[in-house]
Amino acid sequence: MRNTLFIALVLLSLGCALAQSGSYPKPQIPQATGKPASDFSLKDQDGATFNLSEQRGTWVLLYFYRGYW
């Protein structure tokens, strides 16, 4: 019982150390920071067309949700 607990703690510690040692990927388009987004169109939840170009001069928050359908 005591050895099992010790082995579990060692494995947990190693797992945490390996998880933190991973490197994060670099941004794909770092030169796009601070530049206007490209124009696009899409349908909203009511079926109306949303054009990004029509929102110029206003704050826009885009939230892309990965649905499970």
C-alpha atoms as a PDB file:
ATOM      1  CA  MET A   1       0.000   0.000   0.000  1.00  0.00           C
ATOM      2  CA  ARG A   2       2.746   2.431   0.957  1.00  0.00           C
ATOM      3  CA  ASN A   3       4.800   1.597  -2.161  1.00  0.00           C
ATOM      4  CA  THR A   4       1.759   2.075  -4.374  1.00  0.00           C
ATOM      5  CA  LEU A   5       1.124   5.513  -2.926  1.00  0.00           C
ATOM      6  CA  PHE A   6       4.780   6.477  -3.395  1.00  0.00           C
ATOM      7  CA  ILE A   7       4.774   5.303  -7.041  1.00  0.00           C
ATOM      8  CA  ALA A   8       1.529   7.177  -7.707  1.00  0.00           C
ATOM      9  CA  LEU A   9       2.989  10.402  -6.293  1.00  0.00           C
ATOM     10  CA  VAL A  10       6.172  10.013  -8.350  1.00  0.00           C
ATOM     11  CA  LEU A  11       4.181   9.427 -11.539  1.00  0.00           C
ATOM     12  CA  LEU A  12       1.931  12.383 -10.778  1.00  0.00           C
ATOM     13  CA  SER A  13       4.953  14.627 -10.222  1.00  0.00           C
ATOM     14  CA  LEU A  14       6.565  13.478 -13.468  1.00  0.00           C
ATOM     15  CA  GLY A  15       3.326  14.034 -15.350  1.00  0.00           C
ATOM     16  CA  CYS A  16       3.012  17.578 -14.037  1.00  0.00           C
ATOM     17  CA  ALA A  17       6.649  18.347 -14.874  1.00  0.00           C
ATOM     18  CA  LEU A  18       6.268  17.034 -18.431  1.00  0.00           C
ATOM     19  CA  ALA A  19       3.023  18.937 -18.971  1.00  0.00           C
ATOM     20  CA  GLN A  20       4.674  22.234 -18.023  1.00  0.00           C
ATOM     21  CA  SER A  21       7.797  21.668 -20.118  1.00  0.00           C
ATOM     22  CA  GLY A  22       5.893  21.718 -23.441  1.00  0.00           C
ATOM     23  CA  SER A  23       6.381  24.693 -25.716  1.00  0.00           C
ATOM     24  CA  TYR A  24       3.469  26.657 -27.100  1.00  0.00           C
ATOM     25  CA  PRO A  25       3.192  27.159 -30.878  1.00  0.00           C
ATOM     26  CA  LYS A  26       4.041  30.553 -32.303  1.00  0.00           C
ATOM     27  CA  PRO A  27       1.206  32.676 -33.689  1.00  0.00           C
ATOM     28  CA  GLN A  28       0.499  31.835 -37.316  1.00  0.00           C
ATOM     29  CA  ILE A  29       0.216  35.478 -38.474  1.00  0.00           C
ATOM     30  CA  PRO A  30       2.079  37.717 -36.002  1.00  0.00           C
ATOM     31  CA  GLN A  31       2.316  40.563 -38.541  1.00  0.00           C
ATOM     32  CA  ALA A  32      -1.507  40.915 -38.530  1.00  0.00           C
ATOM     33  CA  THR A  33      -1.576  42.355 -35.014  1.00  0.00           C
ATOM     34  CA  GLY A  34      -3.137  45.828 -35.003  1.00  0.00           C
ATOM     35  CA  LYS A  35      -4.299  45.630 -38.626  1.00  0.00           C
ATOM     36  CA  PRO A  36      -7.921  45.578 -39.804  1.00  0.00           C
ATOM     37  CA  ALA A  37      -9.420  42.146 -40.324  1.00  0.00           C
ATOM     38  CA  SER A  38     -10.209  40.930 -43.829  1.00  0.00           C
ATOM     39  CA  ASP A  39     -13.808  41.361 -44.895  1.00  0.00           C
ATOM     40  CA  PHE A  40     -16.114  38.341 -44.757  1.00  0.00           C
ATOM     41  CA  SER A  41     -19.801  37.513 -44.800  1.00  0.00           C
ATOM     42  CA  LEU A  42     -21.742  34.885 -42.900  1.00  0.00           C
ATOM     43  CA  LYS A  43     -25.270  34.062 -41.823  1.00  0.00           C
ATOM     44  CA  ASP A  44     -26.300  34.859 -38.263  1.00  0.00           C
ATOM     45  CA  GLN A  45     -28.646  32.820 -36.076  1.00  0.00           C
ATOM     46  CA  ASP A  46     -31.681  34.481 -37.702  1.00  0.00           C
ATOM     47  CA  GLY A  47     -30.510  33.824 -41.272  1.00  0.00           C
ATOM     48  CA  ALA A  48     -29.543  37.448 -41.982  1.00  0.00           C
ATOM     49  CA  THR A  49     -26.215  38.118 -43.691  1.00  0.00           C
ATOM     50  CA  PHE A  50     -23.524  39.713 -41.531  1.00  0.00           C
ATOM     51  CA  ASN A  51     -20.798  41.660 -43.374  1.00  0.00           C
ATOM     52  CA  LEU A  52     -17.755  42.724 -41.410  1.00  0.00           C
ATOM     53  CA  SER A  53     -17.186  45.697 -43.728  1.00  0.00           C
ATOM     54  CA  GLU A  54     -20.528  47.197 -42.601  1.00  0.00           C
ATOM     55  CA  GLN A  55     -19.217  47.377 -39.034  1.00  0.00           C
ATOM     56  CA  ARG A  56     -16.301  49.727 -39.761  1.00  0.00           C
ATOM     57  CA  GLY A  57     -15.901  52.370 -37.065  1.00  0.00           C
ATOM     58  CA  THR A  58     -17.528  50.251 -34.351  1.00  0.00           C
ATOM     59  CA  TRP A  59     -16.126  47.714 -31.927  1.00  0.00           C
ATOM     60  CA  VAL A  60     -16.741  44.118 -32.986  1.00  0.00           C
ATOM     61  CA  LEU A  61     -16.106  41.017 -30.921  1.00  0.00           C
ATOM     62  CA  LEU A  62     -16.035  37.793 -32.919  1.00  0.00           C
ATOM     63  CA  TYR A  63     -16.524  34.594 -30.987  1.00  0.00           C
ATOM     64  CA  PHE A  64     -16.143  31.385 -32.943  1.00  0.00           C
ATOM     65  CA  TYR A  65     -17.777  28.507 -31.130  1.00  0.00           C
ATOM     66  CA  ARG A  66     -17.123  24.910 -32.018  1.00  0.00           C
ATOM     67  CA  GLY A  67     -20.496  23.267 -31.724  1.00  0.00           C
ATOM     68  CA  TYR A  68     -21.077  19.586 -31.220  1.00  0.00           C
ATOM     69  CA  TRP A  69     -23.574  18.981 -33.992  1.00  0.00           C
END
